[in-house]
Amino acid sequence: MNILWAVLITAAVTAVAVGAMLYVRARAPEGSYFTDGDRASGVFGVLATGFSILLGFVVFLAFTSYDNSRSGAETEALMVLQQVETAQSFPAPTGPKVTGELVCYGRSVVNEEWDRMRAGTLGDGVNPWGVRLFETVSGYEPKTNHEQAAYDAWLSQTSAREEARLDRVHASSGVIPVTLWIVLFVIGGVIFVYMLFFADSREPRRTQAMLMGSVSVVITTLFLLLVSLDRPYHSGVGSLKPTAMERSLRIVDHALEAVGAGVKAPCNETGVGPAS
């Protein structure tokens, strides 16, 4: 999430909450609306505990999805790198062709798919270069034991790459159910209203403002953290970026240049080409 927007949202929510507290304080009796402060604090402890347990569960759910997406992106980039190496065991024209298509696959992930994940529009779409790779290799028949071993390794790496891609894409549209969001906001609203009953005209304004403001800041920032984890491909701080795939593409370029492999990728720098 964008840091500036996060600060503005937190400041706005806190200002509204503090303003409501001071407004209620001006009309509240001395000692707050509760005649038994200990009993009221005990009830508030139950509310806060229930909210914190549920919030902790949701944060764990969102972070697990975030971490799976990160791991999936790294594994996918590694599989692309390994498949480029495996492709060098295929004879021409299959070897150079699939090498170029793998480069286009990586470029497409970095440029096209990442933008679509950030916008939440990737859905169940497939990478066109993944289809192109399947079509190219499906017509290949290994003739030697070495080629057969490379072909078997290729199939295994393809399965791992596709599984990693699913992990990467899974969190692009969010994983926290709407019902959980509703429950969290309802409990947050209950806590806010309950805090207003602690308004005490005898206490200084700054004390009452700190009482409400601190709770508002904590709850708001936790909600913003959830949004950030639930949408890991946002454009702000803490978002997942195609760093691993970009690194793999650089390694592939350097390796192919070092061995003198004259491979020309059938796409431009953004992964757009005939397969797209």
C-alpha atoms as a PDB file:
ATOM      1  CA  MET A   1       0.000   0.000   0.000  1.00  0.00           C
ATOM      2  CA  ASN A   2       1.139   3.515  -0.740  1.00  0.00           C
ATOM      3  CA  ILE A   3       2.689   4.954   2.428  1.00  0.00           C
ATOM      4  CA  LEU A   4       1.203   8.419   1.879  1.00  0.00           C
ATOM      5  CA  TRP A   5      -2.305   7.023   1.501  1.00  0.00           C
ATOM      6  CA  ALA A   6      -1.823   4.821   4.555  1.00  0.00           C
ATOM      7  CA  VAL A   7      -0.768   7.809   6.656  1.00  0.00           C
ATOM      8  CA  LEU A   8      -3.667   9.909   5.362  1.00  0.00           C
ATOM      9  CA  ILE A   9      -6.229   7.167   6.012  1.00  0.00           C
ATOM     10  CA  THR A  10      -4.875   6.553   9.522  1.00  0.00           C
ATOM     11  CA  ALA A  11      -4.850  10.271  10.290  1.00  0.00           C
ATOM     12  CA  ALA A  12      -8.407  10.735   8.967  1.00  0.00           C
ATOM     13  CA  VAL A  13      -9.849   7.797  10.920  1.00  0.00           C
ATOM     14  CA  THR A  14      -8.037   8.885  14.090  1.00  0.00           C
ATOM     15  CA  ALA A  15      -9.228  12.470  13.706  1.00  0.00           C
ATOM     16  CA  VAL A  16     -12.853  11.353  13.330  1.00  0.00           C
ATOM     17  CA  ALA A  17     -12.573   8.996  16.310  1.00  0.00           C
ATOM     18  CA  VAL A  18     -10.921  11.612  18.545  1.00  0.00           C
ATOM     19  CA  GLY A  19     -13.453  14.220  17.457  1.00  0.00           C
ATOM     20  CA  ALA A  20     -16.304  11.892  18.354  1.00  0.00           C
ATOM     21  CA  MET A  21     -14.749  11.186  21.747  1.00  0.00           C
ATOM     22  CA  LEU A  22     -14.300  14.875  22.562  1.00  0.00           C
ATOM     23  CA  TYR A  23     -17.847  15.608  21.408  1.00  0.00           C
ATOM     24  CA  VAL A  24     -19.253  12.911  23.700  1.00  0.00           C
ATOM     25  CA  ARG A  25     -16.910  13.981  26.532  1.00  0.00           C
ATOM     26  CA  ALA A  26     -18.408  17.484  26.551  1.00  0.00           C
ATOM     27  CA  ARG A  27     -21.779  15.941  27.434  1.00  0.00           C
ATOM     28  CA  ALA A  28     -20.606  12.988  29.533  1.00  0.00           C
ATOM     29  CA  PRO A  29     -20.970  12.799  33.308  1.00  0.00           C
ATOM     30  CA  GLU A  30     -17.946  12.791  35.569  1.00  0.00           C
ATOM     31  CA  GLY A  31     -16.412   9.349  35.829  1.00  0.00           C
ATOM     32  CA  SER A  32     -17.749   8.225  32.405  1.00  0.00           C
ATOM     33  CA  TYR A  33     -21.084   6.609  31.583  1.00  0.00           C
ATOM     34  CA  PHE A  34     -20.070   3.480  33.499  1.00  0.00           C
ATOM     35  CA  THR A  35     -20.772   3.402  37.216  1.00  0.00           C
ATOM     36  CA  ASP A  36     -18.531   0.354  37.670  1.00  0.00           C
ATOM     37  CA  GLY A  37     -15.282   0.987  35.815  1.00  0.00           C
ATOM     38  CA  ASP A  38     -13.749  -2.380  36.695  1.00  0.00           C
ATOM     39  CA  ARG A  39     -16.676  -4.306  35.253  1.00  0.00           C
ATOM     40  CA  ALA A  40     -16.656  -2.136  32.120  1.00  0.00           C
ATOM     41  CA  SER A  41     -12.914  -2.705  31.689  1.00  0.00           C
ATOM     42  CA  GLY A  42     -13.470  -6.454  32.022  1.00  0.00           C
ATOM     43  CA  VAL A  43     -16.078  -6.425  29.260  1.00  0.00           C
ATOM     44  CA  PHE A  44     -13.767  -4.338  27.090  1.00  0.00           C
ATOM     45  CA  GLY A  45     -11.015  -6.905  27.707  1.00  0.00           C
ATOM     46  CA  VAL A  46     -13.302  -9.635  26.369  1.00  0.00           C
ATOM     47  CA  LEU A  47     -14.045  -7.571  23.253  1.00  0.00           C
ATOM     48  CA  ALA A  48     -10.383  -6.754  22.687  1.00  0.00           C
ATOM     49  CA  THR A  49      -9.285 -10.356  23.223  1.00  0.00           C
ATOM     50  CA  GLY A  50     -11.862 -11.745  20.801  1.00  0.00           C
ATOM     51  CA  PHE A  51     -10.908  -9.137  18.222  1.00  0.00           C
ATOM     52  CA  SER A  52      -7.176  -9.767  18.632  1.00  0.00           C
ATOM     53  CA  ILE A  53      -7.568 -13.553  18.293  1.00  0.00           C
ATOM     54  CA  LEU A  54      -9.653 -13.236  15.139  1.00  0.00           C
ATOM     55  CA  LEU A  55      -7.332 -10.581  13.737  1.00  0.00           C
ATOM     56  CA  GLY A  56      -4.288 -12.745  14.459  1.00  0.00           C
ATOM     57  CA  PHE A  57      -5.899 -15.655  12.607  1.00  0.00           C
ATOM     58  CA  VAL A  58      -6.685 -13.479   9.585  1.00  0.00           C
ATOM     59  CA  VAL A  59      -3.184 -11.971   9.541  1.00  0.00           C
ATOM     60  CA  PHE A  60      -1.732 -15.497   9.611  1.00  0.00           C
ATOM     61  CA  LEU A  61      -3.999 -16.506   6.713  1.00  0.00           C
ATOM     62  CA  ALA A  62      -3.046 -13.464   4.655  1.00  0.00           C
ATOM     63  CA  PHE A  63       0.683 -13.776   5.386  1.00  0.00           C
ATOM     64  CA  THR A  64       0.660 -17.483   4.488  1.00  0.00           C
ATOM     65  CA  SER A  65      -0.882 -16.643   1.122  1.00  0.00           C
ATOM     66  CA  TYR A  66       1.610 -13.801   0.667  1.00  0.00           C
ATOM     67  CA  ASP A  67       4.548 -16.095   1.439  1.00  0.00           C
ATOM     68  CA  ASN A  68       3.235 -18.825  -0.879  1.00  0.00           C
ATOM     69  CA  SER A  69       2.998 -16.313  -3.705  1.00  0.00           C
ATOM     70  CA  ARG A  70       6.552 -15.143  -3.061  1.00  0.00           C
ATOM     71  CA  SER A  71       7.849 -18.714  -2.950  1.00  0.00           C
ATOM     72  CA  GLY A  72       5.895 -19.583  -6.094  1.00  0.00           C
ATOM     73  CA  ALA A  73       7.408 -16.673  -8.002  1.00  0.00           C
ATOM     74  CA  GLU A  74      10.935 -17.663  -6.947  1.00  0.00           C
ATOM     75  CA  THR A  75      10.409 -21.340  -7.816  1.00  0.00           C
ATOM     76  CA  GLU A  76       8.924 -20.442 -11.192  1.00  0.00           C
ATOM     77  CA  ALA A  77      11.953 -18.280 -12.008  1.00  0.00           C
ATOM     78  CA  LEU A  78      14.284 -21.102 -10.964  1.00  0.00           C
ATOM     79  CA  MET A  79      12.423 -23.599 -13.154  1.00  0.00           C
ATOM     80  CA  VAL A  80      12.715 -21.290 -16.160  1.00  0.00           C
ATOM     81  CA  LEU A  81      16.465 -21.107 -15.574  1.00  0.00           C
ATOM     82  CA  GLN A  82      16.770 -24.887 -15.246  1.00  0.00           C
ATOM     83  CA  GLN A  83      14.632 -25.507 -18.324  1.00  0.00           C
ATOM     84  CA  VAL A  84      16.881 -23.247 -20.385  1.00  0.00           C
ATOM     85  CA  GLU A  85      19.785 -25.426 -19.300  1.00  0.00           C
ATOM     86  CA  THR A  86      17.857 -28.613 -20.100  1.00  0.00           C
ATOM     87  CA  ALA A  87      16.866 -27.257 -23.513  1.00  0.00           C
ATOM     88  CA  GLN A  88      20.530 -27.149 -24.536  1.00  0.00           C
ATOM     89  CA  SER A  89      20.442 -30.976 -24.623  1.00  0.00           C
ATOM     90  CA  PHE A  90      17.737 -30.910 -27.309  1.00  0.00           C
ATOM     91  CA  PRO A  91      18.935 -31.028 -30.931  1.00  0.00           C
ATOM     92  CA  ALA A  92      18.226 -28.227 -33.374  1.00  0.00           C
ATOM     93  CA  PRO A  93      15.768 -26.824 -34.172  1.00  0.00           C
ATOM     94  CA  THR A  94      13.913 -27.822 -30.961  1.00  0.00           C
ATOM     95  CA  GLY A  95      16.608 -26.698 -28.498  1.00  0.00           C
ATOM     96  CA  PRO A  96      17.112 -23.123 -29.760  1.00  0.00           C
ATOM     97  CA  LYS A  97      13.370 -22.728 -30.337  1.00  0.00           C
ATOM     98  CA  VAL A  98      12.266 -23.646 -26.811  1.00  0.00           C
ATOM     99  CA  THR A  99      15.127 -21.587 -25.365  1.00  0.00           C
ATOM    100  CA  GLY A 100      13.799 -18.491 -27.129  1.00  0.00           C
ATOM    101  CA  GLU A 101      10.264 -19.288 -26.033  1.00  0.00           C
ATOM    102  CA  LEU A 102      11.388 -19.650 -22.407  1.00  0.00           C
ATOM    103  CA  VAL A 103      12.955 -16.201 -22.581  1.00  0.00           C
ATOM    104  CA  CYS A 104       9.666 -14.850 -23.933  1.00  0.00           C
ATOM    105  CA  TYR A 105       7.807 -16.649 -21.158  1.00  0.00           C
ATOM    106  CA  GLY A 106       9.936 -14.900 -18.535  1.00  0.00           C
ATOM    107  CA  ARG A 107       9.539 -11.514 -20.211  1.00  0.00           C
ATOM    108  CA  SER A 108       5.784 -12.005 -20.366  1.00  0.00           C
ATOM    109  CA  VAL A 109       5.659 -12.815 -16.639  1.00  0.00           C
ATOM    110  CA  VAL A 110       7.696  -9.727 -15.743  1.00  0.00           C
ATOM    111  CA  ASN A 111       5.805  -7.280 -17.927  1.00  0.00           C
ATOM    112  CA  GLU A 112       2.322  -8.477 -18.832  1.00  0.00           C
ATOM    113  CA  GLU A 113       1.317 -10.911 -16.093  1.00  0.00           C
ATOM    114  CA  TRP A 114       2.628  -8.802 -13.220  1.00  0.00           C
ATOM    115  CA  ASP A 115       0.625  -5.783 -14.379  1.00  0.00           C
ATOM    116  CA  ARG A 116      -2.510  -7.924 -14.695  1.00  0.00           C
ATOM    117  CA  MET A 117      -1.979  -9.422 -11.237  1.00  0.00           C
ATOM    118  CA  ARG A 118      -1.565  -5.934  -9.806  1.00  0.00           C
ATOM    119  CA  ALA A 119      -4.860  -4.950 -11.420  1.00  0.00           C
ATOM    120  CA  GLY A 120      -6.531  -8.205 -10.334  1.00  0.00           C
ATOM    121  CA  THR A 121      -7.505  -9.112 -13.917  1.00  0.00           C
ATOM    122  CA  LEU A 122      -5.316 -12.156 -14.571  1.00  0.00           C
ATOM    123  CA  GLY A 123      -7.929 -14.622 -13.345  1.00  0.00           C
ATOM    124  CA  ASP A 124      -7.619 -18.070 -14.900  1.00  0.00           C
ATOM    125  CA  GLY A 125      -5.710 -16.835 -17.932  1.00  0.00           C
ATOM    126  CA  VAL A 126      -2.770 -18.863 -19.176  1.00  0.00           C
ATOM    127  CA  ASN A 127       0.598 -17.603 -20.308  1.00  0.00           C
ATOM    128  CA  PRO A 128       0.578 -17.828 -24.149  1.00  0.00           C
ATOM    129  CA  TRP A 129       4.239 -18.783 -24.171  1.00  0.00           C
ATOM    130  CA  GLY A 130       3.482 -21.713 -21.885  1.00  0.00           C
ATOM    131  CA  VAL A 131       1.083 -22.966 -24.554  1.00  0.00           C
ATOM    132  CA  ARG A 132       3.679 -22.336 -27.234  1.00  0.00           C
ATOM    133  CA  LEU A 133       6.273 -24.348 -25.281  1.00  0.00           C
ATOM    134  CA  PHE A 134       3.855 -27.254 -24.952  1.00  0.00           C
ATOM    135  CA  GLU A 135       3.163 -27.237 -28.689  1.00  0.00           C
ATOM    136  CA  THR A 136       6.865 -27.143 -29.544  1.00  0.00           C
ATOM    137  CA  VAL A 137       7.917 -29.974 -27.234  1.00  0.00           C
ATOM    138  CA  SER A 138       4.870 -32.167 -27.974  1.00  0.00           C
ATOM    139  CA  GLY A 139       6.174 -32.718 -31.490  1.00  0.00           C
ATOM    140  CA  TYR A 140       9.675 -33.658 -30.351  1.00  0.00           C
ATOM    141  CA  GLU A 141      10.825 -37.301 -30.306  1.00  0.00           C
ATOM    142  CA  PRO A 142      14.071 -38.063 -28.411  1.00  0.00           C
ATOM    143  CA  LYS A 143      16.380 -40.451 -30.282  1.00  0.00           C
ATOM    144  CA  THR A 144      19.224 -41.136 -27.839  1.00  0.00           C
ATOM    145  CA  ASN A 145      19.421 -41.975 -24.163  1.00  0.00           C
ATOM    146  CA  HIS A 146      20.851 -38.514 -23.473  1.00  0.00           C
ATOM    147  CA  GLU A 147      17.950 -36.839 -25.256  1.00  0.00           C
ATOM    148  CA  GLN A 148      15.445 -39.082 -23.453  1.00  0.00           C
ATOM    149  CA  ALA A 149      16.916 -38.134 -20.066  1.00  0.00           C
ATOM    150  CA  ALA A 150      16.732 -34.446 -21.002  1.00  0.00           C
ATOM    151  CA  TYR A 151      13.146 -34.895 -22.179  1.00  0.00           C
ATOM    152  CA  ASP A 152      12.127 -36.552 -18.885  1.00  0.00           C
ATOM    153  CA  ALA A 153      13.808 -33.761 -16.921  1.00  0.00           C
ATOM    154  CA  TRP A 154      11.999 -31.191 -19.075  1.00  0.00           C
ATOM    155  CA  LEU A 155       8.579 -32.699 -18.304  1.00  0.00           C
ATOM    156  CA  SER A 156       9.339 -32.745 -14.569  1.00  0.00           C
ATOM    157  CA  GLN A 157      10.520 -29.132 -14.642  1.00  0.00           C
ATOM    158  CA  THR A 158       7.465 -28.080 -16.645  1.00  0.00           C
ATOM    159  CA  SER A 159       5.163 -29.553 -13.999  1.00  0.00           C
ATOM    160  CA  ALA A 160       7.105 -27.756 -11.246  1.00  0.00           C
ATOM    161  CA  ARG A 161       6.991 -24.470 -13.181  1.00  0.00           C
ATOM    162  CA  GLU A 162       3.233 -24.687 -13.739  1.00  0.00           C
ATOM    163  CA  GLU A 163       2.607 -25.538 -10.087  1.00  0.00           C
ATOM    164  CA  ALA A 164       4.761 -22.590  -9.005  1.00  0.00           C
ATOM    165  CA  ARG A 165       2.857 -20.301 -11.364  1.00  0.00           C
ATOM    166  CA  LEU A 166      -0.422 -21.330  -9.748  1.00  0.00           C
ATOM    167  CA  ASP A 167       1.020 -20.462  -6.335  1.00  0.00           C
ATOM    168  CA  ARG A 168       2.126 -17.073  -7.669  1.00  0.00           C
ATOM    169  CA  VAL A 169      -1.234 -16.261  -9.236  1.00  0.00           C
ATOM    170  CA  HIS A 170      -3.378 -17.570  -6.384  1.00  0.00           C
ATOM    171  CA  ALA A 171      -3.217 -14.440  -4.214  1.00  0.00           C
ATOM    172  CA  SER A 172      -3.640 -11.906  -7.010  1.00  0.00           C
ATOM    173  CA  SER A 173      -7.368 -11.480  -6.329  1.00  0.00           C
ATOM    174  CA  GLY A 174      -7.201 -11.674  -2.514  1.00  0.00           C
ATOM    175  CA  VAL A 175      -7.721 -14.640  -0.194  1.00  0.00           C
ATOM    176  CA  ILE A 176      -9.599 -13.164   2.788  1.00  0.00           C
ATOM    177  CA  PRO A 177     -13.333 -13.975   2.460  1.00  0.00           C
ATOM    178  CA  VAL A 178     -15.804 -11.100   2.485  1.00  0.00           C
ATOM    179  CA  THR A 179     -17.475 -12.543   5.570  1.00  0.00           C
ATOM    180  CA  LEU A 180     -14.244 -12.171   7.554  1.00  0.00           C
ATOM    181  CA  TRP A 181     -13.911  -8.548   6.470  1.00  0.00           C
ATOM    182  CA  ILE A 182     -17.502  -7.901   7.574  1.00  0.00           C
ATOM    183  CA  VAL A 183     -16.934  -9.495  10.982  1.00  0.00           C
ATOM    184  CA  LEU A 184     -13.700  -7.547  11.509  1.00  0.00           C
ATOM    185  CA  PHE A 185     -15.345  -4.226  10.669  1.00  0.00           C
ATOM    186  CA  VAL A 186     -18.366  -5.003  12.863  1.00  0.00           C
ATOM    187  CA  ILE A 187     -16.173  -5.837  15.864  1.00  0.00           C
ATOM    188  CA  GLY A 188     -14.034  -2.764  15.176  1.00  0.00           C
ATOM    189  CA  GLY A 189     -17.199  -0.646  15.152  1.00  0.00           C
ATOM    190  CA  VAL A 190     -18.375  -2.187  18.437  1.00  0.00           C
ATOM    191  CA  ILE A 191     -15.030  -1.374  20.051  1.00  0.00           C
ATOM    192  CA  PHE A 192     -15.243   2.211  18.784  1.00  0.00           C
ATOM    193  CA  VAL A 193     -18.745   2.712  20.207  1.00  0.00           C
ATOM    194  CA  TYR A 194     -17.780   1.042  23.476  1.00  0.00           C
ATOM    195  CA  MET A 195     -14.811   3.397  23.793  1.00  0.00           C
ATOM    196  CA  LEU A 196     -17.173   6.378  23.612  1.00  0.00           C
ATOM    197  CA  PHE A 197     -18.803   5.245  26.850  1.00  0.00           C
ATOM    198  CA  PHE A 198     -15.469   5.842  28.587  1.00  0.00           C
ATOM    199  CA  ALA A 199     -15.860   9.575  27.858  1.00  0.00           C
ATOM    200  CA  ASP A 200     -15.277  11.441  31.116  1.00  0.00           C
ATOM    201  CA  SER A 201     -15.840  15.189  31.449  1.00  0.00           C
ATOM    202  CA  ARG A 202     -13.557  15.186  34.480  1.00  0.00           C
ATOM    203  CA  GLU A 203     -10.501  14.059  32.551  1.00  0.00           C
ATOM    204  CA  PRO A 204      -8.462  16.495  30.404  1.00  0.00           C
ATOM    205  CA  ARG A 205      -9.179  16.583  26.689  1.00  0.00           C
ATOM    206  CA  ARG A 206      -5.685  15.388  25.799  1.00  0.00           C
ATOM    207  CA  THR A 207      -6.115  12.298  27.978  1.00  0.00           C
ATOM    208  CA  GLN A 208      -9.402  11.418  26.337  1.00  0.00           C
ATOM    209  CA  ALA A 209      -7.919  12.108  22.895  1.00  0.00           C
ATOM    210  CA  MET A 210      -4.987   9.804  23.647  1.00  0.00           C
ATOM    211  CA  LEU A 211      -7.356   7.116  24.915  1.00  0.00           C
ATOM    212  CA  MET A 212      -9.362   7.027  21.693  1.00  0.00           C
ATOM    213  CA  GLY A 213      -6.541   7.978  19.331  1.00  0.00           C
ATOM    214  CA  SER A 214      -4.207   5.169  20.343  1.00  0.00           C
ATOM    215  CA  VAL A 215      -6.906   2.529  19.846  1.00  0.00           C
ATOM    216  CA  SER A 216      -7.889   4.027  16.486  1.00  0.00           C
ATOM    217  CA  VAL A 217      -4.304   4.094  15.223  1.00  0.00           C
ATOM    218  CA  VAL A 218      -3.655   0.477  16.201  1.00  0.00           C
ATOM    219  CA  ILE A 219      -6.861  -0.900  14.646  1.00  0.00           C
ATOM    220  CA  THR A 220      -6.533   1.173  11.461  1.00  0.00           C
ATOM    221  CA  THR A 221      -2.907   0.225  10.847  1.00  0.00           C
ATOM    222  CA  LEU A 222      -3.735  -3.457  11.384  1.00  0.00           C
ATOM    223  CA  PHE A 223      -6.544  -3.216   8.839  1.00  0.00           C
ATOM    224  CA  LEU A 224      -4.157  -1.548   6.386  1.00  0.00           C
ATOM    225  CA  LEU A 225      -1.633  -4.329   6.996  1.00  0.00           C
ATOM    226  CA  LEU A 226      -4.301  -6.889   6.161  1.00  0.00           C
ATOM    227  CA  VAL A 227      -5.129  -5.106   2.917  1.00  0.00           C
ATOM    228  CA  SER A 228      -1.447  -5.046   1.987  1.00  0.00           C
ATOM    229  CA  LEU A 229      -0.960  -8.765   2.689  1.00  0.00           C
ATOM    230  CA  ASP A 230      -4.231  -9.736   1.019  1.00  0.00           C
ATOM    231  CA  ARG A 231      -3.222  -7.917  -2.194  1.00  0.00           C
ATOM    232  CA  PRO A 232       0.513  -8.704  -2.436  1.00  0.00           C
ATOM    233  CA  TYR A 233       0.890  -7.289  -5.964  1.00  0.00           C
ATOM    234  CA  HIS A 234      -0.113  -3.718  -5.132  1.00  0.00           C
ATOM    235  CA  SER A 235       2.135  -0.889  -6.250  1.00  0.00           C
ATOM    236  CA  GLY A 236       3.211   0.350  -2.826  1.00  0.00           C
ATOM    237  CA  VAL A 237       5.759  -0.569  -0.171  1.00  0.00           C
ATOM    238  CA  GLY A 238       6.000  -4.279   0.648  1.00  0.00           C
ATOM    239  CA  SER A 239       4.516  -5.479  -2.624  1.00  0.00           C
ATOM    240  CA  LEU A 240       5.827  -8.535  -4.439  1.00  0.00           C
ATOM    241  CA  LYS A 241       7.877  -7.691  -7.511  1.00  0.00           C
ATOM    242  CA  PRO A 242       9.219  -9.917 -10.337  1.00  0.00           C
ATOM    243  CA  THR A 243      12.749  -9.708  -8.969  1.00  0.00           C
ATOM    244  CA  ALA A 244      13.446 -13.450  -9.198  1.00  0.00           C
ATOM    245  CA  MET A 245      12.301 -13.726 -12.820  1.00  0.00           C
ATOM    246  CA  GLU A 246      14.245 -10.616 -13.809  1.00  0.00           C
ATOM    247  CA  ARG A 247      17.347 -12.148 -12.232  1.00  0.00           C
ATOM    248  CA  SER A 248      16.785 -15.422 -14.101  1.00  0.00           C
ATOM    249  CA  LEU A 249      16.438 -13.579 -17.404  1.00  0.00           C
ATOM    250  CA  ARG A 250      19.712 -11.746 -16.801  1.00  0.00           C
ATOM    251  CA  ILE A 251      21.474 -15.019 -15.966  1.00  0.00           C
ATOM    252  CA  VAL A 252      20.069 -16.648 -19.111  1.00  0.00           C
ATOM    253  CA  ASP A 253      21.256 -13.765 -21.286  1.00  0.00           C
ATOM    254  CA  HIS A 254      24.760 -13.880 -19.815  1.00  0.00           C
ATOM    255  CA  ALA A 255      24.962 -17.697 -20.018  1.00  0.00           C
ATOM    256  CA  LEU A 256      23.810 -17.872 -23.641  1.00  0.00           C
ATOM    257  CA  GLU A 257      26.241 -15.143 -24.576  1.00  0.00           C
ATOM    258  CA  ALA A 258      29.082 -16.903 -22.742  1.00  0.00           C
ATOM    259  CA  VAL A 259      28.568 -20.199 -24.606  1.00  0.00           C
ATOM    260  CA  GLY A 260      27.989 -18.471 -27.915  1.00  0.00           C
ATOM    261  CA  ALA A 261      24.451 -19.771 -28.369  1.00  0.00           C
ATOM    262  CA  GLY A 262      22.868 -17.750 -31.136  1.00  0.00           C
ATOM    263  CA  VAL A 263      19.316 -17.805 -29.766  1.00  0.00           C
ATOM    264  CA  LYS A 264      16.873 -15.162 -30.920  1.00  0.00           C
ATOM    265  CA  ALA A 265      13.752 -14.768 -28.816  1.00  0.00           C
ATOM    266  CA  PRO A 266      10.574 -14.600 -30.948  1.00  0.00           C
ATOM    267  CA  CYS A 267       9.234 -11.641 -28.979  1.00  0.00           C
ATOM    268  CA  ASN A 268      10.106  -8.104 -27.981  1.00  0.00           C
ATOM    269  CA  GLU A 269      11.488  -6.980 -24.607  1.00  0.00           C
ATOM    270  CA  THR A 270       8.031  -7.038 -23.002  1.00  0.00           C
ATOM    271  CA  GLY A 271       7.269 -10.609 -24.094  1.00  0.00           C
ATOM    272  CA  VAL A 272       4.881  -9.663 -26.888  1.00  0.00           C
ATOM    273  CA  GLY A 273       5.223 -11.749 -30.011  1.00  0.00           C
ATOM    274  CA  PRO A 274       3.423 -14.165 -32.324  1.00  0.00           C
ATOM    275  CA  ALA A 275       2.283 -16.331 -29.417  1.00  0.00           C
ATOM    276  CA  SER A 276       0.610 -13.412 -27.705  1.00  0.00           C
END
